[in-house]
Amino acid sequence: MLLDMYRRCRALLMPGVEDFGIVPVEAMACGTPVLALGEGGALDTVTPGITGEHMRAGPDDAVVEQLAALMRDFDPADYDAGTIRARACEFSPEAFRARIAETVQGAVRA
């Protein structure tokens, strides 16, 4: 059910701040662009103009105004679902394990 919602929506709105935030990555795994507050984990996962857009943090009313402008100007056709999915794969358990193994091997060699 959740996957179906991610696939059918025009974009995921993520106006909150999380350290990592799995929800944007789940949406991206379905090819859905993400409109996120440009803080916390969204800075690492959402690439403006490629996988979605960032909003600047500020007073709540300023964030609401930015979100309204983003939604007004937003066109999902500007984003490639395959590229979005590929970015999400960079956060898969397999990719994480490979990066950890590479880091550990580098430390052992040093």
C-alpha atoms as a PDB file:
ATOM      1  CA  MET A   1       0.000   0.000   0.000  1.00  0.00           C
ATOM      2  CA  LEU A   2       2.738   2.486   0.952  1.00  0.00           C
ATOM      3  CA  LEU A   3       4.744   1.668  -2.174  1.00  0.00           C
ATOM      4  CA  ASP A   4       1.657   2.260  -4.293  1.00  0.00           C
ATOM      5  CA  MET A   5       1.199   5.686  -2.695  1.00  0.00           C
ATOM      6  CA  TYR A   6       4.840   6.605  -3.302  1.00  0.00           C
ATOM      7  CA  ARG A   7       4.520   5.560  -6.953  1.00  0.00           C
ATOM      8  CA  ARG A   8       1.288   7.469  -7.560  1.00  0.00           C
ATOM      9  CA  CYS A   9       2.132  10.762  -5.864  1.00  0.00           C
ATOM     10  CA  ARG A  10       3.651  13.688  -7.780  1.00  0.00           C
ATOM     11  CA  ALA A  11       6.252  14.265  -5.039  1.00  0.00           C
ATOM     12  CA  LEU A  12       6.966  13.555  -1.393  1.00  0.00           C
ATOM     13  CA  LEU A  13       6.805  16.625   0.844  1.00  0.00           C
ATOM     14  CA  MET A  14       9.336  16.440   3.690  1.00  0.00           C
ATOM     15  CA  PRO A  15       9.195  19.739   5.613  1.00  0.00           C
ATOM     16  CA  GLY A  16      10.679  18.260   8.819  1.00  0.00           C
ATOM     17  CA  VAL A  17      14.276  17.664   9.895  1.00  0.00           C
ATOM     18  CA  GLU A  18      15.638  14.166  10.533  1.00  0.00           C
ATOM     19  CA  ASP A  19      19.213  12.964  10.979  1.00  0.00           C
ATOM     20  CA  PHE A  20      18.889  10.554   8.072  1.00  0.00           C
ATOM     21  CA  GLY A  21      15.227  10.077   7.266  1.00  0.00           C
ATOM     22  CA  ILE A  22      14.331   6.830   5.540  1.00  0.00           C
ATOM     23  CA  VAL A  23      11.023   8.188   4.180  1.00  0.00           C
ATOM     24  CA  PRO A  24      12.609  10.334   1.430  1.00  0.00           C
ATOM     25  CA  VAL A  25      14.824   7.404   0.381  1.00  0.00           C
ATOM     26  CA  GLU A  26      11.775   5.093   0.251  1.00  0.00           C
ATOM     27  CA  ALA A  27       9.976   7.564  -2.018  1.00  0.00           C
ATOM     28  CA  MET A  28      13.078   7.953  -4.179  1.00  0.00           C
ATOM     29  CA  ALA A  29      13.330   4.140  -4.480  1.00  0.00           C
ATOM     30  CA  CYS A  30       9.934   4.351  -6.200  1.00  0.00           C
ATOM     31  CA  GLY A  31      11.192   7.085  -8.552  1.00  0.00           C
ATOM     32  CA  THR A  32       9.307   9.835  -6.722  1.00  0.00           C
ATOM     33  CA  PRO A  33      10.973  13.255  -6.366  1.00  0.00           C
ATOM     34  CA  VAL A  34      11.263  14.768  -2.874  1.00  0.00           C
ATOM     35  CA  LEU A  35      10.603  18.363  -1.785  1.00  0.00           C
ATOM     36  CA  ALA A  36      12.465  18.630   1.518  1.00  0.00           C
ATOM     37  CA  LEU A  37      13.662  21.132   4.055  1.00  0.00           C
ATOM     38  CA  GLY A  38      17.343  21.676   3.281  1.00  0.00           C
ATOM     39  CA  GLU A  39      18.620  20.492   6.653  1.00  0.00           C
ATOM     40  CA  GLY A  40      19.621  17.215   8.276  1.00  0.00           C
ATOM     41  CA  GLY A  41      19.625  14.038   6.258  1.00  0.00           C
ATOM     42  CA  ALA A  42      17.844  15.594   3.274  1.00  0.00           C
ATOM     43  CA  LEU A  43      21.089  17.413   2.485  1.00  0.00           C
ATOM     44  CA  ASP A  44      22.730  14.002   1.977  1.00  0.00           C
ATOM     45  CA  THR A  45      19.916  12.188   0.199  1.00  0.00           C
ATOM     46  CA  VAL A  46      18.036  14.771  -1.904  1.00  0.00           C
ATOM     47  CA  THR A  47      19.995  16.330  -4.783  1.00  0.00           C
ATOM     48  CA  PRO A  48      18.341  19.589  -5.918  1.00  0.00           C
ATOM     49  CA  GLY A  49      17.315  19.558  -9.564  1.00  0.00           C
ATOM     50  CA  ILE A  50      17.970  15.800  -9.836  1.00  0.00           C
ATOM     51  CA  THR A  51      16.036  13.903  -7.141  1.00  0.00           C
ATOM     52  CA  GLY A  52      13.939  16.798  -5.824  1.00  0.00           C
ATOM     53  CA  GLU A  53      14.380  20.211  -4.267  1.00  0.00           C
ATOM     54  CA  HIS A  54      15.382  21.778  -0.950  1.00  0.00           C
ATOM     55  CA  MET A  55      13.550  24.532   0.908  1.00  0.00           C
ATOM     56  CA  ARG A  56      15.493  26.963   3.073  1.00  0.00           C
ATOM     57  CA  ALA A  57      14.880  26.717   6.797  1.00  0.00           C
ATOM     58  CA  GLY A  58      13.335  29.709   8.500  1.00  0.00           C
ATOM     59  CA  PRO A  59      10.210  30.809  10.298  1.00  0.00           C
ATOM     60  CA  ASP A  60       7.270  28.474   9.728  1.00  0.00           C
ATOM     61  CA  ASP A  61       5.435  30.987   7.532  1.00  0.00           C
ATOM     62  CA  ALA A  62       8.512  31.379   5.295  1.00  0.00           C
ATOM     63  CA  VAL A  63       8.780  27.602   4.880  1.00  0.00           C
ATOM     64  CA  VAL A  64       5.071  27.435   4.020  1.00  0.00           C
ATOM     65  CA  GLU A  65       5.545  30.175   1.398  1.00  0.00           C
ATOM     66  CA  GLN A  66       8.518  28.331  -0.118  1.00  0.00           C
ATOM     67  CA  LEU A  67       6.589  25.079  -0.158  1.00  0.00           C
ATOM     68  CA  ALA A  68       3.642  26.770  -1.878  1.00  0.00           C
ATOM     69  CA  ALA A  69       5.981  28.245  -4.514  1.00  0.00           C
ATOM     70  CA  LEU A  70       7.719  24.892  -5.059  1.00  0.00           C
ATOM     71  CA  MET A  71       4.386  23.129  -5.459  1.00  0.00           C
ATOM     72  CA  ARG A  72       3.077  25.798  -7.822  1.00  0.00           C
ATOM     73  CA  ASP A  73       6.155  25.568 -10.071  1.00  0.00           C
ATOM     74  CA  PHE A  74       6.754  21.829  -9.612  1.00  0.00           C
ATOM     75  CA  ASP A  75       6.530  19.529 -12.615  1.00  0.00           C
ATOM     76  CA  PRO A  76       7.324  15.850 -11.976  1.00  0.00           C
ATOM     77  CA  ALA A  77       8.265  15.509 -15.656  1.00  0.00           C
ATOM     78  CA  ASP A  78      11.388  17.584 -14.880  1.00  0.00           C
ATOM     79  CA  TYR A  79      12.779  14.630 -12.893  1.00  0.00           C
ATOM     80  CA  ASP A  80      13.889  11.255 -14.253  1.00  0.00           C
ATOM     81  CA  ALA A  81      12.443   8.393 -12.194  1.00  0.00           C
ATOM     82  CA  GLY A  82      15.332   6.079 -13.106  1.00  0.00           C
ATOM     83  CA  THR A  83      17.907   8.605 -11.907  1.00  0.00           C
ATOM     84  CA  ILE A  84      15.958   9.089  -8.684  1.00  0.00           C
ATOM     85  CA  ARG A  85      15.807   5.318  -8.112  1.00  0.00           C
ATOM     86  CA  ALA A  86      19.548   4.999  -8.788  1.00  0.00           C
ATOM     87  CA  ARG A  87      20.280   7.636  -6.143  1.00  0.00           C
ATOM     88  CA  ALA A  88      18.145   5.741  -3.614  1.00  0.00           C
ATOM     89  CA  CYS A  89      20.169   2.570  -4.320  1.00  0.00           C
ATOM     90  CA  GLU A  90      23.243   4.390  -2.992  1.00  0.00           C
ATOM     91  CA  PHE A  91      21.623   4.048   0.458  1.00  0.00           C
ATOM     92  CA  SER A  92      20.831   0.326   0.224  1.00  0.00           C
ATOM     93  CA  PRO A  93      22.106  -2.075   2.899  1.00  0.00           C
ATOM     94  CA  GLU A  94      24.478  -3.589   0.317  1.00  0.00           C
ATOM     95  CA  ALA A  95      25.961  -0.196  -0.566  1.00  0.00           C
ATOM     96  CA  PHE A  96      26.320   0.637   3.130  1.00  0.00           C
ATOM     97  CA  ARG A  97      28.128  -2.650   3.836  1.00  0.00           C
ATOM     98  CA  ALA A  98      30.465  -2.087   0.877  1.00  0.00           C
ATOM     99  CA  ARG A  99      31.379   1.418   2.105  1.00  0.00           C
ATOM    100  CA  ILE A 100      32.010   0.131   5.641  1.00  0.00           C
ATOM    101  CA  ALA A 101      34.190  -2.732   4.327  1.00  0.00           C
ATOM    102  CA  GLU A 102      36.161  -0.300   2.159  1.00  0.00           C
ATOM    103  CA  THR A 103      36.708   2.036   5.120  1.00  0.00           C
ATOM    104  CA  VAL A 104      37.813  -0.799   7.405  1.00  0.00           C
ATOM    105  CA  GLN A 105      40.165  -2.242   4.774  1.00  0.00           C
ATOM    106  CA  GLY A 106      41.666   1.213   4.234  1.00  0.00           C
ATOM    107  CA  ALA A 107      42.225   1.622   7.976  1.00  0.00           C
ATOM    108  CA  VAL A 108      43.848  -1.822   8.244  1.00  0.00           C
ATOM    109  CA  ARG A 109      46.239  -1.014   5.377  1.00  0.00           C
ATOM    110  CA  ALA A 110      47.216   2.347   6.907  1.00  0.00           C
END
